[in-house]
């Protein structure tokens, strides 16, 4: 799924960052900006929290074929609920994007 490792102080591939952010939004992590192609504090925190909660090595990095990405993909495949990247509200289906309330306010 991702080609290079994602995390702070790495040569991050923009496409890989966006894929990781999408996976985290699928599992209910609240990120500051799911559409931003940059590592931010909320993504760094989500990675470390996920690793801690899943008893994985807490290094803040997601490597291709590593244990963190495998757990994240497994969990996101089971989760039909997405979180709005603006307000964090859950909504079902595969529509992604903003929830109806945030779309109206835009």
PDB file of N, CA and C in Angstrom:
ATOM      1  N   UNK A   1       0.819  -1.196   0.000  1.00  0.00           N
ATOM      2  CA  UNK A   1       0.000   0.000   0.000  1.00  0.00           C
ATOM      3  C   UNK A   1       0.863   1.260   0.000  1.00  0.00           C
ATOM      4  N   UNK A   2       1.771   1.413   0.977  1.00  0.00           N
ATOM      5  CA  UNK A   2       2.673   2.565   0.945  1.00  0.00           C
ATOM      6  C   UNK A   2       4.025   2.102   0.406  1.00  0.00           C
ATOM      7  N   UNK A   3       4.737   3.024  -0.248  1.00  0.00           N
ATOM      8  CA  UNK A   3       6.006   2.674  -0.878  1.00  0.00           C
ATOM      9  C   UNK A   3       7.205   2.946   0.019  1.00  0.00           C
ATOM     10  N   UNK A   4       7.096   4.002   0.857  1.00  0.00           N
ATOM     11  CA  UNK A   4       8.194   4.387   1.733  1.00  0.00           C
ATOM     12  C   UNK A   4       7.658   4.574   3.148  1.00  0.00           C
ATOM     13  N   UNK A   5       8.566   4.601   4.106  1.00  0.00           N
ATOM     14  CA  UNK A   5       8.170   4.800   5.491  1.00  0.00           C
ATOM     15  C   UNK A   5       7.596   6.206   5.691  1.00  0.00           C
ATOM     16  N   UNK A   6       6.640   6.298   6.631  1.00  0.00           N
ATOM     17  CA  UNK A   6       5.990   7.561   6.958  1.00  0.00           C
ATOM     18  C   UNK A   6       6.247   7.861   8.427  1.00  0.00           C
ATOM     19  N   UNK A   7       6.648   9.093   8.720  1.00  0.00           N
ATOM     20  CA  UNK A   7       6.885   9.515  10.099  1.00  0.00           C
ATOM     21  C   UNK A   7       7.744  10.760  10.131  1.00  0.00           C
ATOM     22  N   UNK A   8       7.858  11.363  11.305  1.00  0.00           N
ATOM     23  CA  UNK A   8       8.690  12.552  11.455  1.00  0.00           C
ATOM     24  C   UNK A   8      10.145  12.237  11.144  1.00  0.00           C
ATOM     25  N   UNK A   9      10.826  13.236  10.593  1.00  0.00           N
ATOM     26  CA  UNK A   9      12.259  13.152  10.280  1.00  0.00           C
ATOM     27  C   UNK A   9      12.596  12.077   9.255  1.00  0.00           C
ATOM     28  N   UNK A  10      11.647  11.783   8.390  1.00  0.00           N
ATOM     29  CA  UNK A  10      11.880  10.833   7.300  1.00  0.00           C
ATOM     30  C   UNK A  10      11.653  11.547   5.975  1.00  0.00           C
ATOM     31  N   UNK A  11      12.128  10.958   4.894  1.00  0.00           N
ATOM     32  CA  UNK A  11      11.845  11.480   3.558  1.00  0.00           C
ATOM     33  C   UNK A  11      10.457  10.958   3.177  1.00  0.00           C
ATOM     34  N   UNK A  12       9.429  11.686   3.554  1.00  0.00           N
ATOM     35  CA  UNK A  12       8.050  11.226   3.383  1.00  0.00           C
ATOM     36  C   UNK A  12       7.533  11.455   1.977  1.00  0.00           C
ATOM     37  N   UNK A  13       6.931  10.432   1.419  1.00  0.00           N
ATOM     38  CA  UNK A  13       6.279  10.497   0.121  1.00  0.00           C
ATOM     39  C   UNK A  13       4.877  11.059   0.340  1.00  0.00           C
ATOM     40  N   UNK A  14       4.522  12.109  -0.385  1.00  0.00           N
ATOM     41  CA  UNK A  14       3.224  12.770  -0.208  1.00  0.00           C
ATOM     42  C   UNK A  14       2.078  11.781  -0.361  1.00  0.00           C
ATOM     43  N   UNK A  15       2.131  10.935  -1.363  1.00  0.00           N
ATOM     44  CA  UNK A  15       1.078   9.951  -1.595  1.00  0.00           C
ATOM     45  C   UNK A  15       0.940   8.997  -0.411  1.00  0.00           C
ATOM     46  N   UNK A  16       2.071   8.586   0.154  1.00  0.00           N
ATOM     47  CA  UNK A  16       2.044   7.684   1.300  1.00  0.00           C
ATOM     48  C   UNK A  16       1.439   8.355   2.532  1.00  0.00           C
ATOM     49  N   UNK A  17       1.762   9.622   2.749  1.00  0.00           N
ATOM     50  CA  UNK A  17       1.186  10.352   3.884  1.00  0.00           C
ATOM     51  C   UNK A  17      -0.328  10.403   3.756  1.00  0.00           C
ATOM     52  N   UNK A  18      -0.818  10.718   2.577  1.00  0.00           N
ATOM     53  CA  UNK A  18      -2.268  10.812   2.367  1.00  0.00           C
ATOM     54  C   UNK A  18      -2.947   9.456   2.564  1.00  0.00           C
ATOM     55  N   UNK A  19      -2.302   8.389   2.126  1.00  0.00           N
ATOM     56  CA  UNK A  19      -2.859   7.047   2.323  1.00  0.00           C
ATOM     57  C   UNK A  19      -2.942   6.705   3.810  1.00  0.00           C
ATOM     58  N   UNK A  20      -1.887   7.036   4.553  1.00  0.00           N
ATOM     59  CA  UNK A  20      -1.866   6.766   5.988  1.00  0.00           C
ATOM     60  C   UNK A  20      -2.940   7.591   6.695  1.00  0.00           C
ATOM     61  N   UNK A  21      -3.083   8.855   6.316  1.00  0.00           N
ATOM     62  CA  UNK A  21      -4.109   9.700   6.929  1.00  0.00           C
ATOM     63  C   UNK A  21      -5.512   9.149   6.648  1.00  0.00           C
ATOM     64  N   UNK A  22      -5.739   8.658   5.447  1.00  0.00           N
ATOM     65  CA  UNK A  22      -7.037   8.071   5.115  1.00  0.00           C
ATOM     66  C   UNK A  22      -7.302   6.838   5.979  1.00  0.00           C
ATOM     67  N   UNK A  23      -6.303   5.997   6.148  1.00  0.00           N
ATOM     68  CA  UNK A  23      -6.462   4.811   6.993  1.00  0.00           C
ATOM     69  C   UNK A  23      -6.785   5.208   8.429  1.00  0.00           C
ATOM     70  N   UNK A  24      -6.089   6.197   8.954  1.00  0.00           N
ATOM     71  CA  UNK A  24      -6.367   6.637  10.320  1.00  0.00           C
ATOM     72  C   UNK A  24      -7.768   7.223  10.436  1.00  0.00           C
ATOM     73  N   UNK A  25      -8.215   7.961   9.431  1.00  0.00           N
ATOM     74  CA  UNK A  25      -9.577   8.512   9.502  1.00  0.00           C
ATOM     75  C   UNK A  25     -10.615   7.396   9.453  1.00  0.00           C
ATOM     76  N   UNK A  26     -10.318   6.308   8.753  1.00  0.00           N
ATOM     77  CA  UNK A  26     -11.238   5.171   8.687  1.00  0.00           C
ATOM     78  C   UNK A  26     -11.393   4.471  10.027  1.00  0.00           C
ATOM     79  N   UNK A  27     -10.337   4.501  10.836  1.00  0.00           N
ATOM     80  CA  UNK A  27     -10.404   3.818  12.134  1.00  0.00           C
ATOM     81  C   UNK A  27     -10.812   4.774  13.252  1.00  0.00           C
ATOM     82  N   UNK A  28     -11.159   6.001  12.889  1.00  0.00           N
ATOM     83  CA  UNK A  28     -11.709   6.931  13.872  1.00  0.00           C
ATOM     84  C   UNK A  28     -10.742   7.896  14.507  1.00  0.00           C
ATOM     85  N   UNK A  29      -9.513   7.955  14.038  1.00  0.00           N
ATOM     86  CA  UNK A  29      -8.563   8.928  14.590  1.00  0.00           C
ATOM     87  C   UNK A  29      -8.935  10.322  14.112  1.00  0.00           C
ATOM     88  N   UNK A  30      -8.884  11.270  15.014  1.00  0.00           N
ATOM     89  CA  UNK A  30      -9.195  12.650  14.650  1.00  0.00           C
ATOM     90  C   UNK A  30      -7.891  13.351  14.275  1.00  0.00           C
ATOM     91  N   UNK A  31      -7.772  13.691  13.017  1.00  0.00           N
ATOM     92  CA  UNK A  31      -6.592  14.371  12.503  1.00  0.00           C
ATOM     93  C   UNK A  31      -6.942  15.819  12.200  1.00  0.00           C
ATOM     94  N   UNK A  32      -5.961  16.701  12.342  1.00  0.00           N
ATOM     95  CA  UNK A  32      -6.213  18.121  12.083  1.00  0.00           C
ATOM     96  C   UNK A  32      -6.608  18.380  10.634  1.00  0.00           C
ATOM     97  N   UNK A  33      -5.907  17.777   9.691  1.00  0.00           N
ATOM     98  CA  UNK A  33      -6.194  18.006   8.275  1.00  0.00           C
ATOM     99  C   UNK A  33      -5.851  16.758   7.479  1.00  0.00           C
ATOM    100  N   UNK A  34      -6.872  15.962   7.211  1.00  0.00           N
ATOM    101  CA  UNK A  34      -6.662  14.696   6.513  1.00  0.00           C
ATOM    102  C   UNK A  34      -6.244  14.905   5.056  1.00  0.00           C
ATOM    103  N   UNK A  35      -6.466  16.097   4.515  1.00  0.00           N
ATOM    104  CA  UNK A  35      -6.140  16.362   3.115  1.00  0.00           C
ATOM    105  C   UNK A  35      -4.759  16.997   2.934  1.00  0.00           C
ATOM    106  N   UNK A  36      -4.092  17.322   4.026  1.00  0.00           N
ATOM    107  CA  UNK A  36      -2.762  17.923   3.948  1.00  0.00           C
ATOM    108  C   UNK A  36      -1.717  16.832   3.705  1.00  0.00           C
ATOM    109  N   UNK A  37      -0.817  17.053   2.759  1.00  0.00           N
ATOM    110  CA  UNK A  37       0.195  16.040   2.456  1.00  0.00           C
ATOM    111  C   UNK A  37       1.436  16.129   3.348  1.00  0.00           C
ATOM    112  N   UNK A  38       1.259  16.666   4.548  1.00  0.00           N
ATOM    113  CA  UNK A  38       2.391  16.835   5.452  1.00  0.00           C
ATOM    114  C   UNK A  38       2.171  16.083   6.758  1.00  0.00           C
ATOM    115  N   UNK A  39       3.270  15.673   7.384  1.00  0.00           N
ATOM    116  CA  UNK A  39       3.214  15.101   8.720  1.00  0.00           C
ATOM    117  C   UNK A  39       2.946  16.271   9.664  1.00  0.00           C
ATOM    118  N   UNK A  40       1.912  16.170  10.472  1.00  0.00           N
ATOM    119  CA  UNK A  40       1.643  17.203  11.463  1.00  0.00           C
ATOM    120  C   UNK A  40       1.570  16.552  12.839  1.00  0.00           C
ATOM    121  N   UNK A  41       1.404  17.369  13.859  1.00  0.00           N
ATOM    122  CA  UNK A  41       1.397  16.854  15.232  1.00  0.00           C
ATOM    123  C   UNK A  41       0.285  15.839  15.452  1.00  0.00           C
ATOM    124  N   UNK A  42      -0.888  16.056  14.830  1.00  0.00           N
ATOM    125  CA  UNK A  42      -2.003  15.132  15.050  1.00  0.00           C
ATOM    126  C   UNK A  42      -1.719  13.762  14.439  1.00  0.00           C
ATOM    127  N   UNK A  43      -1.058  13.712  13.287  1.00  0.00           N
ATOM    128  CA  UNK A  43      -0.713  12.422  12.672  1.00  0.00           C
ATOM    129  C   UNK A  43       0.369  11.730  13.494  1.00  0.00           C
ATOM    130  N   UNK A  44       1.372  12.472  13.911  1.00  0.00           N
ATOM    131  CA  UNK A  44       2.428  11.896  14.745  1.00  0.00           C
ATOM    132  C   UNK A  44       1.830  11.302  16.020  1.00  0.00           C
ATOM    133  N   UNK A  45       0.934  12.036  16.644  1.00  0.00           N
ATOM    134  CA  UNK A  45       0.280  11.570  17.875  1.00  0.00           C
ATOM    135  C   UNK A  45      -0.574  10.335  17.594  1.00  0.00           C
ATOM    136  N   UNK A  46      -1.307  10.336  16.470  1.00  0.00           N
ATOM    137  CA  UNK A  46      -2.162   9.194  16.118  1.00  0.00           C
ATOM    138  C   UNK A  46      -1.334   7.936  15.879  1.00  0.00           C
ATOM    139  N   UNK A  47      -0.187   8.087  15.215  1.00  0.00           N
ATOM    140  CA  UNK A  47       0.673   6.929  14.955  1.00  0.00           C
ATOM    141  C   UNK A  47       1.144   6.326  16.270  1.00  0.00           C
ATOM    142  N   UNK A  48       1.670   7.166  17.150  1.00  0.00           N
ATOM    143  CA  UNK A  48       2.209   6.676  18.420  1.00  0.00           C
ATOM    144  C   UNK A  48       1.115   6.092  19.313  1.00  0.00           C
ATOM    145  N   UNK A  49      -0.056   6.720  19.326  1.00  0.00           N
ATOM    146  CA  UNK A  49      -1.169   6.206  20.131  1.00  0.00           C
ATOM    147  C   UNK A  49      -1.620   4.849  19.597  1.00  0.00           C
ATOM    148  N   UNK A  50      -1.727   4.731  18.277  1.00  0.00           N
ATOM    149  CA  UNK A  50      -2.118   3.469  17.657  1.00  0.00           C
ATOM    150  C   UNK A  50      -1.120   2.381  18.009  1.00  0.00           C
ATOM    151  N   UNK A  51       0.165   2.703  17.910  1.00  0.00           N
ATOM    152  CA  UNK A  51       1.202   1.718  18.230  1.00  0.00           C
ATOM    153  C   UNK A  51       1.117   1.301  19.695  1.00  0.00           C
ATOM    154  N   UNK A  52       0.908   2.262  20.576  1.00  0.00           N
ATOM    155  CA  UNK A  52       0.801   1.953  22.002  1.00  0.00           C
ATOM    156  C   UNK A  52      -0.429   1.097  22.280  1.00  0.00           C
ATOM    157  N   UNK A  53      -1.586   1.497  21.731  1.00  0.00           N
ATOM    158  CA  UNK A  53      -2.846   0.773  21.965  1.00  0.00           C
ATOM    159  C   UNK A  53      -2.806  -0.656  21.432  1.00  0.00           C
ATOM    160  N   UNK A  54      -2.027  -0.891  20.400  1.00  0.00           N
ATOM    161  CA  UNK A  54      -1.933  -2.209  19.764  1.00  0.00           C
ATOM    162  C   UNK A  54      -0.713  -3.012  20.224  1.00  0.00           C
ATOM    163  N   UNK A  55      -0.014  -2.499  21.237  1.00  0.00           N
ATOM    164  CA  UNK A  55       1.192  -3.159  21.761  1.00  0.00           C
ATOM    165  C   UNK A  55       2.242  -3.396  20.677  1.00  0.00           C
ATOM    166  N   UNK A  56       2.422  -2.393  19.831  1.00  0.00           N
ATOM    167  CA  UNK A  56       3.438  -2.443  18.785  1.00  0.00           C
ATOM    168  C   UNK A  56       4.633  -1.604  19.231  1.00  0.00           C
ATOM    169  N   UNK A  57       5.720  -1.701  18.522  1.00  0.00           N
ATOM    170  CA  UNK A  57       6.886  -0.874  18.812  1.00  0.00           C
ATOM    171  C   UNK A  57       6.500   0.589  18.615  1.00  0.00           C
ATOM    172  N   UNK A  58       6.684   1.409  19.648  1.00  0.00           N
ATOM    173  CA  UNK A  58       6.290   2.820  19.595  1.00  0.00           C
ATOM    174  C   UNK A  58       7.479   3.641  19.107  1.00  0.00           C
ATOM    175  N   UNK A  59       7.538   3.817  17.773  1.00  0.00           N
ATOM    176  CA  UNK A  59       8.624   4.589  17.186  1.00  0.00           C
ATOM    177  C   UNK A  59       8.104   5.743  16.327  1.00  0.00           C
ATOM    178  N   UNK A  60       6.784   5.855  16.185  1.00  0.00           N
ATOM    179  CA  UNK A  60       6.201   6.941  15.405  1.00  0.00           C
ATOM    180  C   UNK A  60       6.399   6.800  13.915  1.00  0.00           C
ATOM    181  N   UNK A  61       6.767   5.613  13.467  1.00  0.00           N
ATOM    182  CA  UNK A  61       7.007   5.375  12.042  1.00  0.00           C
ATOM    183  C   UNK A  61       6.112   4.257  11.529  1.00  0.00           C
ATOM    184  N   UNK A  62       5.711   4.404  10.276  1.00  0.00           N
ATOM    185  CA  UNK A  62       4.944   3.355   9.605  1.00  0.00           C
ATOM    186  C   UNK A  62       5.743   2.934   8.385  1.00  0.00           C
ATOM    187  N   UNK A  63       6.191   1.694   8.393  1.00  0.00           N
ATOM    188  CA  UNK A  63       7.019   1.167   7.305  1.00  0.00           C
ATOM    189  C   UNK A  63       6.191   0.279   6.382  1.00  0.00           C
ATOM    190  N   UNK A  64       6.530   0.264   5.081  1.00  0.00           N
ATOM    191  CA  UNK A  64       5.841  -0.646   4.176  1.00  0.00           C
ATOM    192  C   UNK A  64       6.005  -2.081   4.688  1.00  0.00           C
ATOM    193  N   UNK A  65       4.952  -2.822   4.730  1.00  0.00           N
ATOM    194  CA  UNK A  65       4.944  -4.209   5.204  1.00  0.00           C
ATOM    195  C   UNK A  65       5.319  -4.350   6.681  1.00  0.00           C
ATOM    196  N   UNK A  66       5.378  -3.238   7.420  1.00  0.00           N
ATOM    197  CA  UNK A  66       5.677  -3.298   8.846  1.00  0.00           C
ATOM    198  C   UNK A  66       4.438  -3.660   9.652  1.00  0.00           C
ATOM    199  N   UNK A  67       4.652  -3.940  10.931  1.00  0.00           N
ATOM    200  CA  UNK A  67       3.545  -4.373  11.781  1.00  0.00           C
ATOM    201  C   UNK A  67       2.483  -3.284  11.961  1.00  0.00           C
ATOM    202  N   UNK A  68       2.889  -2.014  11.977  1.00  0.00           N
ATOM    203  CA  UNK A  68       1.921  -0.933  12.184  1.00  0.00           C
ATOM    204  C   UNK A  68       0.980  -0.805  10.989  1.00  0.00           C
ATOM    205  N   UNK A  69       1.530  -0.796   9.776  1.00  0.00           N
ATOM    206  CA  UNK A  69       0.668  -0.659   8.593  1.00  0.00           C
ATOM    207  C   UNK A  69      -0.226  -1.888   8.442  1.00  0.00           C
ATOM    208  N   UNK A  70       0.283  -3.063   8.790  1.00  0.00           N
ATOM    209  CA  UNK A  70      -0.535  -4.269   8.686  1.00  0.00           C
ATOM    210  C   UNK A  70      -1.717  -4.220   9.648  1.00  0.00           C
ATOM    211  N   UNK A  71      -1.470  -3.786  10.884  1.00  0.00           N
ATOM    212  CA  UNK A  71      -2.553  -3.659  11.870  1.00  0.00           C
ATOM    213  C   UNK A  71      -3.550  -2.582  11.450  1.00  0.00           C
ATOM    214  N   UNK A  72      -3.030  -1.482  10.947  1.00  0.00           N
ATOM    215  CA  UNK A  72      -3.888  -0.373  10.519  1.00  0.00           C
ATOM    216  C   UNK A  72      -4.786  -0.786   9.356  1.00  0.00           C
ATOM    217  N   UNK A  73      -4.236  -1.509   8.396  1.00  0.00           N
ATOM    218  CA  UNK A  73      -5.030  -1.979   7.258  1.00  0.00           C
ATOM    219  C   UNK A  73      -6.071  -2.998   7.697  1.00  0.00           C
ATOM    220  N   UNK A  74      -5.680  -3.881   8.598  1.00  0.00           N
ATOM    221  CA  UNK A  74      -6.611  -4.898   9.086  1.00  0.00           C
ATOM    222  C   UNK A  74      -7.787  -4.244   9.811  1.00  0.00           C
ATOM    223  N   UNK A  75      -7.498  -3.282  10.670  1.00  0.00           N
ATOM    224  CA  UNK A  75      -8.549  -2.610  11.416  1.00  0.00           C
ATOM    225  C   UNK A  75      -9.421  -1.747  10.508  1.00  0.00           C
ATOM    226  N   UNK A  76      -8.818  -1.042   9.574  1.00  0.00           N
ATOM    227  CA  UNK A  76      -9.597  -0.163   8.693  1.00  0.00           C
ATOM    228  C   UNK A  76     -10.498  -0.958   7.757  1.00  0.00           C
ATOM    229  N   UNK A  77     -10.106  -2.176   7.416  1.00  0.00           N
ATOM    230  CA  UNK A  77     -10.934  -3.016   6.559  1.00  0.00           C
ATOM    231  C   UNK A  77     -12.221  -3.427   7.265  1.00  0.00           C
ATOM    232  N   UNK A  78     -12.185  -3.491   8.591  1.00  0.00           N
ATOM    233  CA  UNK A  78     -13.359  -3.871   9.375  1.00  0.00           C
ATOM    234  C   UNK A  78     -14.263  -2.692   9.681  1.00  0.00           C
ATOM    235  N   UNK A  79     -13.750  -1.482   9.514  1.00  0.00           N
ATOM    236  CA  UNK A  79     -14.473  -0.289   9.946  1.00  0.00           C
ATOM    237  C   UNK A  79     -15.236   0.358   8.793  1.00  0.00           C
ATOM    238  N   UNK A  80     -16.577   0.321   8.823  1.00  0.00           N
ATOM    239  CA  UNK A  80     -17.362   0.973   7.785  1.00  0.00           C
ATOM    240  C   UNK A  80     -17.590   2.454   8.078  1.00  0.00           C
ATOM    241  N   UNK A  81     -17.106   2.942   9.216  1.00  0.00           N
ATOM    242  CA  UNK A  81     -17.353   4.316   9.613  1.00  0.00           C
ATOM    243  C   UNK A  81     -16.144   5.187   9.314  1.00  0.00           C
ATOM    244  N   UNK A  82     -16.415   6.333   8.731  1.00  0.00           N
ATOM    245  CA  UNK A  82     -15.377   7.314   8.456  1.00  0.00           C
ATOM    246  C   UNK A  82     -15.609   8.515   9.361  1.00  0.00           C
ATOM    247  N   UNK A  83     -14.573   9.270   9.601  1.00  0.00           N
ATOM    248  CA  UNK A  83     -14.693  10.495  10.383  1.00  0.00           C
ATOM    249  C   UNK A  83     -14.536  11.684   9.449  1.00  0.00           C
ATOM    250  N   UNK A  84     -15.364  12.685   9.668  1.00  0.00           N
ATOM    251  CA  UNK A  84     -15.247  13.926   8.906  1.00  0.00           C
ATOM    252  C   UNK A  84     -13.898  14.556   9.249  1.00  0.00           C
ATOM    253  N   UNK A  85     -13.097  14.929   8.247  1.00  0.00           N
ATOM    254  CA  UNK A  85     -11.797  15.510   8.537  1.00  0.00           C
ATOM    255  C   UNK A  85     -11.875  16.905   9.153  1.00  0.00           C
ATOM    256  N   UNK A  86     -13.039  17.539   9.082  1.00  0.00           N
ATOM    257  CA  UNK A  86     -13.176  18.884   9.636  1.00  0.00           C
ATOM    258  C   UNK A  86     -13.631  18.866  11.089  1.00  0.00           C
ATOM    259  N   UNK A  87     -14.697  18.124  11.396  1.00  0.00           N
ATOM    260  CA  UNK A  87     -15.252  18.162  12.756  1.00  0.00           C
ATOM    261  C   UNK A  87     -15.036  16.864  13.530  1.00  0.00           C
ATOM    262  N   UNK A  88     -14.655  15.790  12.835  1.00  0.00           N
ATOM    263  CA  UNK A  88     -14.412  14.525  13.506  1.00  0.00           C
ATOM    264  C   UNK A  88     -15.656  13.680  13.719  1.00  0.00           C
ATOM    265  N   UNK A  89     -16.803  14.136  13.249  1.00  0.00           N
ATOM    266  CA  UNK A  89     -18.048  13.390  13.421  1.00  0.00           C
ATOM    267  C   UNK A  89     -18.025  12.108  12.587  1.00  0.00           C
ATOM    268  N   UNK A  90     -18.506  11.005  13.158  1.00  0.00           N
ATOM    269  CA  UNK A  90     -18.539   9.757  12.387  1.00  0.00           C
ATOM    270  C   UNK A  90     -19.729   9.719  11.433  1.00  0.00           C
ATOM    271  N   UNK A  91     -19.528   9.116  10.311  1.00  0.00           N
ATOM    272  CA  UNK A  91     -20.645   8.811   9.414  1.00  0.00           C
ATOM    273  C   UNK A  91     -20.304   7.545   8.661  1.00  0.00           C
ATOM    274  N   UNK A  92     -21.307   6.802   8.279  1.00  0.00           N
ATOM    275  CA  UNK A  92     -21.089   5.501   7.675  1.00  0.00           C
ATOM    276  C   UNK A  92     -20.894   5.558   6.180  1.00  0.00           C
ATOM    277  N   UNK A  93     -20.640   4.418   5.613  1.00  0.00           N
ATOM    278  CA  UNK A  93     -20.501   4.305   4.173  1.00  0.00           C
ATOM    279  C   UNK A  93     -19.086   4.560   3.701  1.00  0.00           C
ATOM    280  N   UNK A  94     -18.922   4.586   2.419  1.00  0.00           N
ATOM    281  CA  UNK A  94     -17.587   4.761   1.850  1.00  0.00           C
ATOM    282  C   UNK A  94     -17.439   6.127   1.213  1.00  0.00           C
ATOM    283  N   UNK A  95     -18.333   7.055   1.582  1.00  0.00           N
ATOM    284  CA  UNK A  95     -18.313   8.353   0.929  1.00  0.00           C
ATOM    285  C   UNK A  95     -17.121   9.210   1.313  1.00  0.00           C
ATOM    286  N   UNK A  96     -16.583   9.044   2.530  1.00  0.00           N
ATOM    287  CA  UNK A  96     -15.435   9.838   2.950  1.00  0.00           C
ATOM    288  C   UNK A  96     -15.752  11.321   2.889  1.00  0.00           C
ATOM    289  N   UNK A  97     -14.735  12.151   2.794  1.00  0.00           N
ATOM    290  CA  UNK A  97     -14.943  13.588   2.676  1.00  0.00           C
ATOM    291  C   UNK A  97     -15.581  14.201   3.905  1.00  0.00           C
ATOM    292  N   UNK A  98     -16.215  15.348   3.724  1.00  0.00           N
ATOM    293  CA  UNK A  98     -16.835  16.058   4.828  1.00  0.00           C
ATOM    294  C   UNK A  98     -18.224  15.538   5.134  1.00  0.00           C
ATOM    295  N   UNK A  99     -18.616  15.618   6.407  1.00  0.00           N
ATOM    296  CA  UNK A  99     -19.970  15.196   6.790  1.00  0.00           C
ATOM    297  C   UNK A  99     -20.967  16.228   6.260  1.00  0.00           C
ATOM    298  N   UNK A 100     -22.250  15.903   6.201  1.00  0.00           N
ATOM    299  CA  UNK A 100     -23.250  16.820   5.661  1.00  0.00           C
ATOM    300  C   UNK A 100     -23.281  18.169   6.390  1.00  0.00           C
ATOM    301  N   UNK A 101     -23.105  18.165   7.713  1.00  0.00           N
ATOM    302  CA  UNK A 101     -23.131  19.414   8.468  1.00  0.00           C
ATOM    303  C   UNK A 101     -21.992  20.338   8.061  1.00  0.00           C
ATOM    304  N   UNK A 102     -20.812  19.801   7.935  1.00  0.00           N
ATOM    305  CA  UNK A 102     -19.660  20.637   7.547  1.00  0.00           C
ATOM    306  C   UNK A 102     -19.778  21.099   6.096  1.00  0.00           C
ATOM    307  N   UNK A 103     -20.346  20.280   5.237  1.00  0.00           N
ATOM    308  CA  UNK A 103     -20.530  20.662   3.847  1.00  0.00           C
ATOM    309  C   UNK A 103     -21.466  21.852   3.748  1.00  0.00           C
ATOM    310  N   UNK A 104     -22.530  21.850   4.547  1.00  0.00           N
ATOM    311  CA  UNK A 104     -23.490  22.956   4.559  1.00  0.00           C
ATOM    312  C   UNK A 104     -22.822  24.243   5.042  1.00  0.00           C
ATOM    313  N   UNK A 105     -21.951  24.138   6.038  1.00  0.00           N
ATOM    314  CA  UNK A 105     -21.298  25.307   6.629  1.00  0.00           C
ATOM    315  C   UNK A 105     -20.204  25.886   5.749  1.00  0.00           C
ATOM    316  N   UNK A 106     -19.779  25.155   4.726  1.00  0.00           N
ATOM    317  CA  UNK A 106     -18.653  25.604   3.900  1.00  0.00           C
ATOM    318  C   UNK A 106     -19.051  26.657   2.909  1.00  0.00           C
TER     319      UNK A 106
END
